[in-house]
C-alpha atoms as a PDB file:
ATOM      1  CA  MET A   1      83.187 -18.937 -37.424  1.00  0.00           C
ATOM      2  CA  ALA A   2      81.895 -19.971 -33.990  1.00  0.00           C
ATOM      3  CA  ALA A   3      78.195 -19.647 -33.448  1.00  0.00           C
ATOM      4  CA  ILE A   4      77.109 -16.830 -31.224  1.00  0.00           C
ATOM      5  CA  LYS A   5      75.561 -18.146 -28.055  1.00  0.00           C
ATOM      6  CA  LYS A   6      72.516 -16.270 -26.788  1.00  0.00           C
ATOM      7  CA  ARG A   7      72.422 -15.494 -23.091  1.00  0.00           C
ATOM      8  CA  LYS A   8      69.935 -17.339 -20.942  1.00  0.00           C
ATOM      9  CA  PRO A   9      66.987 -15.042 -20.095  1.00  0.00           C
ATOM     10  CA  LEU A  10      66.096 -14.022 -16.522  1.00  0.00           C
ATOM     11  CA  ILE A  11      62.716 -15.338 -15.301  1.00  0.00           C
ATOM     12  CA  ILE A  12      61.048 -12.748 -13.083  1.00  0.00           C
ATOM     13  CA  GLY A  13      57.845 -13.367 -11.062  1.00  0.00           C
ATOM     14  CA  LEU A  14      55.731 -10.186 -10.892  1.00  0.00           C
ATOM     15  CA  THR A  15      53.125 -10.360  -8.221  1.00  0.00           C
ATOM     16  CA  GLY A  16      51.247  -8.465  -5.477  1.00  0.00           C
ATOM     17  CA  VAL A  17      47.725  -8.225  -3.998  1.00  0.00           C
ATOM     18  CA  PRO A  18      44.807  -7.223  -6.367  1.00  0.00           C
ATOM     19  CA  GLY A  19      44.701  -3.584  -7.412  1.00  0.00           C
ATOM     20  CA  THR A  20      48.311  -2.743  -6.929  1.00  0.00           C
ATOM     21  CA  GLY A  21      49.132  -1.911 -10.556  1.00  0.00           C
ATOM     22  CA  LYS A  22      50.953  -5.070 -11.580  1.00  0.00           C
ATOM     23  CA  SER A  23      49.590  -4.713 -15.123  1.00  0.00           C
ATOM     24  CA  ALA A  24      51.003  -1.287 -15.482  1.00  0.00           C
ATOM     25  CA  VAL A  25      54.424  -2.461 -14.408  1.00  0.00           C
ATOM     26  CA  ALA A  26      54.140  -5.442 -16.868  1.00  0.00           C
ATOM     27  CA  ASP A  27      53.279  -2.931 -19.582  1.00  0.00           C
ATOM     28  CA  TYR A  28      56.480  -0.988 -18.821  1.00  0.00           C
ATOM     29  CA  PHE A  29      58.584  -4.115 -19.076  1.00  0.00           C
ATOM     30  CA  ARG A  30      56.876  -5.133 -22.235  1.00  0.00           C
ATOM     31  CA  ASP A  31      57.713  -1.775 -23.793  1.00  0.00           C
ATOM     32  CA  LYS A  32      61.365  -2.452 -22.846  1.00  0.00           C
ATOM     33  CA  GLY A  33      61.352  -5.711 -24.790  1.00  0.00           C
ATOM     34  CA  ALA A  34      60.464  -8.152 -22.019  1.00  0.00           C
ATOM     35  CA  MET A  35      58.267 -11.156 -22.789  1.00  0.00           C
ATOM     36  CA  ILE A  36      55.204 -11.079 -20.615  1.00  0.00           C
ATOM     37  CA  LEU A  37      53.294 -14.266 -19.524  1.00  0.00           C
ATOM     38  CA  SER A  38      50.086 -13.481 -17.834  1.00  0.00           C
ATOM     39  CA  GLY A  39      48.561 -15.873 -15.242  1.00  0.00           C
ATOM     40  CA  ASP A  40      45.179 -14.209 -15.613  1.00  0.00           C
ATOM     41  CA  LYS A  41      45.192 -14.764 -19.431  1.00  0.00           C
ATOM     42  CA  ILE A  42      46.137 -18.333 -19.028  1.00  0.00           C
ATOM     43  CA  GLY A  43      43.339 -18.840 -16.462  1.00  0.00           C
ATOM     44  CA  HIS A  44      40.868 -17.323 -18.980  1.00  0.00           C
ATOM     45  CA  GLU A  45      42.121 -19.742 -21.567  1.00  0.00           C
ATOM     46  CA  ILE A  46      41.392 -22.637 -19.156  1.00  0.00           C
ATOM     47  CA  LEU A  47      37.882 -21.461 -18.561  1.00  0.00           C
ATOM     48  CA  ASP A  48      37.285 -20.867 -22.299  1.00  0.00           C
ATOM     49  CA  TYR A  49      38.893 -23.911 -23.871  1.00  0.00           C
ATOM     50  CA  ASN A  50      39.465 -26.614 -21.243  1.00  0.00           C
ATOM     51  CA  HIS A  51      36.306 -28.687 -21.579  1.00  0.00           C
ATOM     52  CA  SER A  52      37.090 -30.919 -18.630  1.00  0.00           C
ATOM     53  CA  ALA A  53      37.398 -27.874 -16.338  1.00  0.00           C
ATOM     54  CA  LYS A  54      34.256 -26.302 -17.675  1.00  0.00           C
ATOM     55  CA  ARG A  55      32.288 -29.546 -17.055  1.00  0.00           C
ATOM     56  CA  GLN A  56      33.505 -29.758 -13.484  1.00  0.00           C
ATOM     57  CA  LEU A  57      32.605 -26.090 -12.818  1.00  0.00           C
ATOM     58  CA  VAL A  58      29.133 -26.479 -14.170  1.00  0.00           C
ATOM     59  CA  LYS A  59      28.644 -29.593 -12.115  1.00  0.00           C
ATOM     60  CA  ILE A  60      29.584 -27.656  -8.937  1.00  0.00           C
ATOM     61  CA  PHE A  61      28.104 -24.211  -9.653  1.00  0.00           C
ATOM     62  CA  SER A  62      25.325 -25.091 -12.171  1.00  0.00           C
ATOM     63  CA  ARG A  63      24.772 -23.718 -15.662  1.00  0.00           C
ATOM     64  CA  ASP A  64      24.013 -20.342 -14.152  1.00  0.00           C
ATOM     65  CA  ILE A  65      27.707 -19.508 -14.497  1.00  0.00           C
ATOM     66  CA  LEU A  66      27.492 -19.741 -18.291  1.00  0.00           C
ATOM     67  CA  ASN A  67      26.654 -16.852 -20.651  1.00  0.00           C
ATOM     68  CA  ASN A  68      24.386 -17.005 -23.673  1.00  0.00           C
ATOM     69  CA  GLU A  69      27.118 -18.512 -25.783  1.00  0.00           C
ATOM     70  CA  GLY A  70      27.626 -21.341 -23.312  1.00  0.00           C
ATOM     71  CA  GLN A  71      30.978 -19.941 -22.093  1.00  0.00           C
ATOM     72  CA  VAL A  72      31.982 -19.476 -18.419  1.00  0.00           C
ATOM     73  CA  ASP A  73      30.973 -15.933 -17.422  1.00  0.00           C
ATOM     74  CA  ARG A  74      33.875 -14.913 -15.297  1.00  0.00           C
ATOM     75  CA  LYS A  75      32.015 -12.096 -13.601  1.00  0.00           C
ATOM     76  CA  LYS A  76      29.259 -14.367 -12.536  1.00  0.00           C
ATOM     77  CA  LEU A  77      31.748 -16.964 -11.238  1.00  0.00           C
ATOM     78  CA  GLY A  78      33.717 -14.308  -9.450  1.00  0.00           C
ATOM     79  CA  LEU A  79      30.680 -13.097  -7.605  1.00  0.00           C
ATOM     80  CA  ILE A  80      30.210 -16.622  -6.298  1.00  0.00           C
ATOM     81  CA  VAL A  81      33.709 -17.543  -5.349  1.00  0.00           C
ATOM     82  CA  PHE A  82      34.979 -14.318  -3.853  1.00  0.00           C
ATOM     83  CA  SER A  83      32.106 -14.274  -1.343  1.00  0.00           C
ATOM     84  CA  ASP A  84      32.562 -17.893  -0.211  1.00  0.00           C
ATOM     85  CA  ALA A  85      35.894 -19.405   0.756  1.00  0.00           C
ATOM     86  CA  ASP A  86      34.708 -23.013   0.079  1.00  0.00           C
ATOM     87  CA  SER A  87      33.532 -22.104  -3.447  1.00  0.00           C
ATOM     88  CA  LEU A  88      36.844 -20.391  -4.084  1.00  0.00           C
ATOM     89  CA  ARG A  89      38.741 -23.494  -2.924  1.00  0.00           C
ATOM     90  CA  LYS A  90      36.731 -25.709  -5.289  1.00  0.00           C
ATOM     91  CA  LEU A  91      37.372 -23.364  -8.244  1.00  0.00           C
ATOM     92  CA  ASN A  92      41.115 -23.366  -7.503  1.00  0.00           C
ATOM     93  CA  GLU A  93      41.281 -27.130  -7.286  1.00  0.00           C
ATOM     94  CA  ILE A  94      39.784 -27.409 -10.785  1.00  0.00           C
ATOM     95  CA  VAL A  95      41.532 -24.464 -12.574  1.00  0.00           C
ATOM     96  CA  HIS A  96      44.913 -24.151 -10.926  1.00  0.00           C
ATOM     97  CA  PRO A  97      46.527 -27.554 -11.880  1.00  0.00           C
ATOM     98  CA  PRO A  98      45.991 -27.110 -15.721  1.00  0.00           C
ATOM     99  CA  LEU A  99      46.853 -23.460 -15.369  1.00  0.00           C
ATOM    100  CA  LEU A 100      50.181 -24.177 -13.754  1.00  0.00           C
ATOM    101  CA  ARG A 101      50.989 -26.929 -16.229  1.00  0.00           C
ATOM    102  CA  MET A 102      50.359 -24.560 -19.093  1.00  0.00           C
ATOM    103  CA  LEU A 103      52.352 -21.677 -17.453  1.00  0.00           C
ATOM    104  CA  LYS A 104      55.270 -24.014 -16.840  1.00  0.00           C
ATOM    105  CA  ALA A 105      55.225 -25.093 -20.436  1.00  0.00           C
ATOM    106  CA  ARG A 106      55.168 -21.592 -21.690  1.00  0.00           C
ATOM    107  CA  ILE A 107      58.066 -20.485 -19.499  1.00  0.00           C
ATOM    108  CA  LYS A 108      60.049 -23.459 -20.766  1.00  0.00           C
ATOM    109  CA  LYS A 109      59.229 -22.561 -24.380  1.00  0.00           C
ATOM    110  CA  ALA A 110      60.162 -18.886 -23.830  1.00  0.00           C
ATOM    111  CA  LYS A 111      63.424 -19.894 -22.189  1.00  0.00           C
ATOM    112  CA  SER A 112      64.358 -22.204 -25.129  1.00  0.00           C
ATOM    113  CA  GLU A 113      63.518 -19.625 -27.732  1.00  0.00           C
ATOM    114  CA  ARG A 114      65.486 -16.885 -25.961  1.00  0.00           C
ATOM    115  CA  LYS A 115      63.746 -14.053 -27.812  1.00  0.00           C
ATOM    116  CA  SER A 116      63.912 -11.772 -24.873  1.00  0.00           C
ATOM    117  CA  ARG A 117      66.445 -11.344 -22.056  1.00  0.00           C
ATOM    118  CA  LEU A 118      63.662 -10.841 -19.535  1.00  0.00           C
ATOM    119  CA  ILE A 119      60.634 -13.133 -19.182  1.00  0.00           C
ATOM    120  CA  ILE A 120      58.076 -11.592 -16.755  1.00  0.00           C
ATOM    121  CA  VAL A 121      55.315 -13.799 -15.329  1.00  0.00           C
ATOM    122  CA  ASP A 122      52.581 -11.548 -14.161  1.00  0.00           C
ATOM    123  CA  ALA A 123      50.620 -13.640 -11.646  1.00  0.00           C
ATOM    124  CA  ALA A 124      48.866 -12.681  -8.418  1.00  0.00           C
ATOM    125  CA  LEU A 125      49.318 -16.105  -6.740  1.00  0.00           C
ATOM    126  CA  ILE A 126      52.998 -16.883  -7.170  1.00  0.00           C
ATOM    127  CA  PHE A 127      53.509 -17.332  -3.427  1.00  0.00           C
ATOM    128  CA  GLU A 128      50.175 -19.057  -2.835  1.00  0.00           C
ATOM    129  CA  TRP A 129      50.955 -21.546  -5.637  1.00  0.00           C
ATOM    130  CA  GLY A 130      54.343 -22.371  -4.104  1.00  0.00           C
ATOM    131  CA  ILE A 131      56.244 -21.720  -7.360  1.00  0.00           C
ATOM    132  CA  VAL A 132      58.737 -19.252  -6.126  1.00  0.00           C
ATOM    133  CA  ASN A 133      61.602 -21.608  -7.175  1.00  0.00           C
ATOM    134  CA  TRP A 134      60.548 -21.222 -10.841  1.00  0.00           C
ATOM    135  CA  PHE A 135      62.012 -17.743 -10.861  1.00  0.00           C
ATOM    136  CA  ASP A 136      65.406 -15.980 -10.620  1.00  0.00           C
ATOM    137  CA  PHE A 137      63.832 -13.009  -8.837  1.00  0.00           C
ATOM    138  CA  ILE A 138      60.454 -12.066  -7.318  1.00  0.00           C
ATOM    139  CA  LEU A 139      59.186  -8.549  -7.905  1.00  0.00           C
ATOM    140  CA  VAL A 140      56.271  -7.424  -5.676  1.00  0.00           C
ATOM    141  CA  VAL A 141      54.226  -4.378  -6.375  1.00  0.00           C
ATOM    142  CA  THR A 142      52.651  -2.698  -3.328  1.00  0.00           C
ATOM    143  CA  SER A 143      50.048  -0.030  -2.906  1.00  0.00           C
ATOM    144  CA  PRO A 144      48.059   1.566  -0.041  1.00  0.00           C
ATOM    145  CA  ARG A 145      44.982  -0.599   0.626  1.00  0.00           C
ATOM    146  CA  TYR A 146      42.481   2.173  -0.094  1.00  0.00           C
ATOM    147  CA  LEU A 147      44.021   2.810  -3.549  1.00  0.00           C
ATOM    148  CA  SER A 148      44.015  -0.943  -4.434  1.00  0.00           C
ATOM    149  CA  ILE A 149      40.356  -1.092  -3.479  1.00  0.00           C
ATOM    150  CA  ARG A 150      39.580   2.093  -5.494  1.00  0.00           C
ATOM    151  CA  ARG A 151      41.224   0.618  -8.568  1.00  0.00           C
ATOM    152  CA  MET A 152      39.219  -2.614  -8.252  1.00  0.00           C
ATOM    153  CA  MET A 153      36.035  -0.658  -7.783  1.00  0.00           C
ATOM    154  CA  SER A 154      36.835   1.357 -11.011  1.00  0.00           C
ATOM    155  CA  LYS A 155      36.707  -2.012 -12.827  1.00  0.00           C
ATOM    156  CA  GLY A 156      33.185  -2.745 -11.565  1.00  0.00           C
ATOM    157  CA  LEU A 157      33.564  -4.441  -8.245  1.00  0.00           C
ATOM    158  CA  THR A 158      31.737  -3.161  -5.131  1.00  0.00           C
ATOM    159  CA  HIS A 159      33.733  -2.247  -2.048  1.00  0.00           C
ATOM    160  CA  ARG A 160      32.730  -5.473  -0.399  1.00  0.00           C
ATOM    161  CA  GLN A 161      33.790  -7.569  -3.426  1.00  0.00           C
ATOM    162  CA  ALA A 162      37.078  -5.852  -3.628  1.00  0.00           C
ATOM    163  CA  CYS A 163      37.753  -6.482   0.050  1.00  0.00           C
ATOM    164  CA  GLN A 164      36.751 -10.176  -0.309  1.00  0.00           C
ATOM    165  CA  LYS A 165      39.109 -10.494  -3.319  1.00  0.00           C
ATOM    166  CA  MET A 166      42.013  -9.065  -1.297  1.00  0.00           C
ATOM    167  CA  SER A 167      41.302 -11.282   1.660  1.00  0.00           C
ATOM    168  CA  SER A 168      41.400 -14.410  -0.590  1.00  0.00           C
ATOM    169  CA  GLN A 169      45.241 -13.921  -0.921  1.00  0.00           C
ATOM    170  CA  TRP A 170      48.253 -13.583   1.297  1.00  0.00           C
ATOM    171  CA  LYS A 171      48.540 -10.257   2.970  1.00  0.00           C
ATOM    172  CA  GLN A 172      50.655  -7.605   1.225  1.00  0.00           C
ATOM    173  CA  SER A 173      53.087  -7.467   4.127  1.00  0.00           C
ATOM    174  CA  GLN A 174      53.835 -11.220   3.639  1.00  0.00           C
ATOM    175  CA  LYS A 175      54.502 -10.855  -0.005  1.00  0.00           C
ATOM    176  CA  LYS A 176      56.653  -7.715   0.522  1.00  0.00           C
ATOM    177  CA  GLU A 177      58.809  -9.565   3.133  1.00  0.00           C
ATOM    178  CA  LEU A 178      59.579 -12.387   0.634  1.00  0.00           C
ATOM    179  CA  ALA A 179      60.302 -10.227  -2.356  1.00  0.00           C
ATOM    180  CA  ASP A 180      63.642  -9.678  -3.990  1.00  0.00           C
ATOM    181  CA  TYR A 181      62.481  -6.292  -5.277  1.00  0.00           C
ATOM    182  CA  VAL A 182      59.580  -4.054  -4.294  1.00  0.00           C
ATOM    183  CA  ILE A 183      57.855  -1.334  -6.323  1.00  0.00           C
ATOM    184  CA  SER A 184      55.707   0.969  -4.332  1.00  0.00           C
ATOM    185  CA  ASN A 185      52.671   2.352  -6.289  1.00  0.00           C
ATOM    186  CA  LYS A 186      51.131   5.268  -4.442  1.00  0.00           C
ATOM    187  CA  GLY A 187      48.939   6.428  -7.287  1.00  0.00           C
ATOM    188  CA  SER A 188      51.052   8.423  -9.712  1.00  0.00           C
ATOM    189  CA  LEU A 189      51.702   6.673 -13.011  1.00  0.00           C
ATOM    190  CA  ARG A 190      54.853   8.882 -13.448  1.00  0.00           C
ATOM    191  CA  GLN A 191      56.260   7.688 -10.102  1.00  0.00           C
ATOM    192  CA  LEU A 192      55.285   4.049 -10.877  1.00  0.00           C
ATOM    193  CA  THR A 193      57.189   4.312 -14.203  1.00  0.00           C
ATOM    194  CA  LYS A 194      60.273   5.674 -12.430  1.00  0.00           C
ATOM    195  CA  GLU A 195      60.093   2.818  -9.914  1.00  0.00           C
ATOM    196  CA  ALA A 196      59.766   0.314 -12.791  1.00  0.00           C
ATOM    197  CA  GLU A 197      62.686   1.860 -14.535  1.00  0.00           C
ATOM    198  CA  ARG A 198      64.817   1.643 -11.415  1.00  0.00           C
ATOM    199  CA  ILE A 199      64.088  -2.038 -11.131  1.00  0.00           C
ATOM    200  CA  HIS A 200      64.710  -2.607 -14.830  1.00  0.00           C
ATOM    201  CA  LYS A 201      68.237  -1.106 -14.535  1.00  0.00           C
ATOM    202  CA  LEU A 202      68.950  -3.301 -11.518  1.00  0.00           C
ATOM    203  CA  LEU A 203      67.827  -6.422 -13.462  1.00  0.00           C
ATOM    204  CA  SER A 204      69.939  -5.411 -16.491  1.00  0.00           C
ATOM    205  CA  ARG A 205      73.054  -5.802 -14.393  1.00  0.00           C
ATOM    206  CA  TYR A 206      72.407  -9.508 -14.051  1.00  0.00           C
ATOM    207  CA  GLU A 207      71.754 -10.266 -17.718  1.00  0.00           C
ATOM    208  CA  SER A 208      75.447 -10.483 -18.569  1.00  0.00           C
ATOM    209  CA  ASP A 209      75.944 -13.232 -15.820  1.00  0.00           C
ATOM    210  CA  PHE A 210      73.610 -15.705 -17.608  1.00  0.00           C
END
């Protein structure tokens, strides 16, 4: 009997400006069986376990960025880098190279294992990193600016910090223009779920082609 060949998974880049609701969309796809790779979580791993990166960050920003356990305090670091473009550039130069290496390795592993037909990479900086060609399709989540800011403020940021975080990335209009698919999140979880369902159905049509 011939072996059954598993279909190659689709690799989807899920992105958008901060506070648009990307995580909620990722959760929907996870519930539908997709494998989710989070750029944020990998970035946290770099800060927690990459000793070279940690040493470089302490050298630049001092030990004030560490908590009582000697780990990088992401909130303290965020307050520094999102209020100063040069500090953000220095952070990115240290963290992004190992982050991208790890992300690429995990995509490769997920593709080889073929445990899911959809692999979703949830990452805010897909365009900024210049890795669009890693993906079969790019899905951008959009939201009115005031709602995005409100969501970020609900997580502890001030209005100013939320605005600074948004301004550190490409504009929403730029990301939307380059997207293969767009989900508009205007505040209702029910509507967001319907939009995610619509995209899931569209992507399902492509699965048989791989």
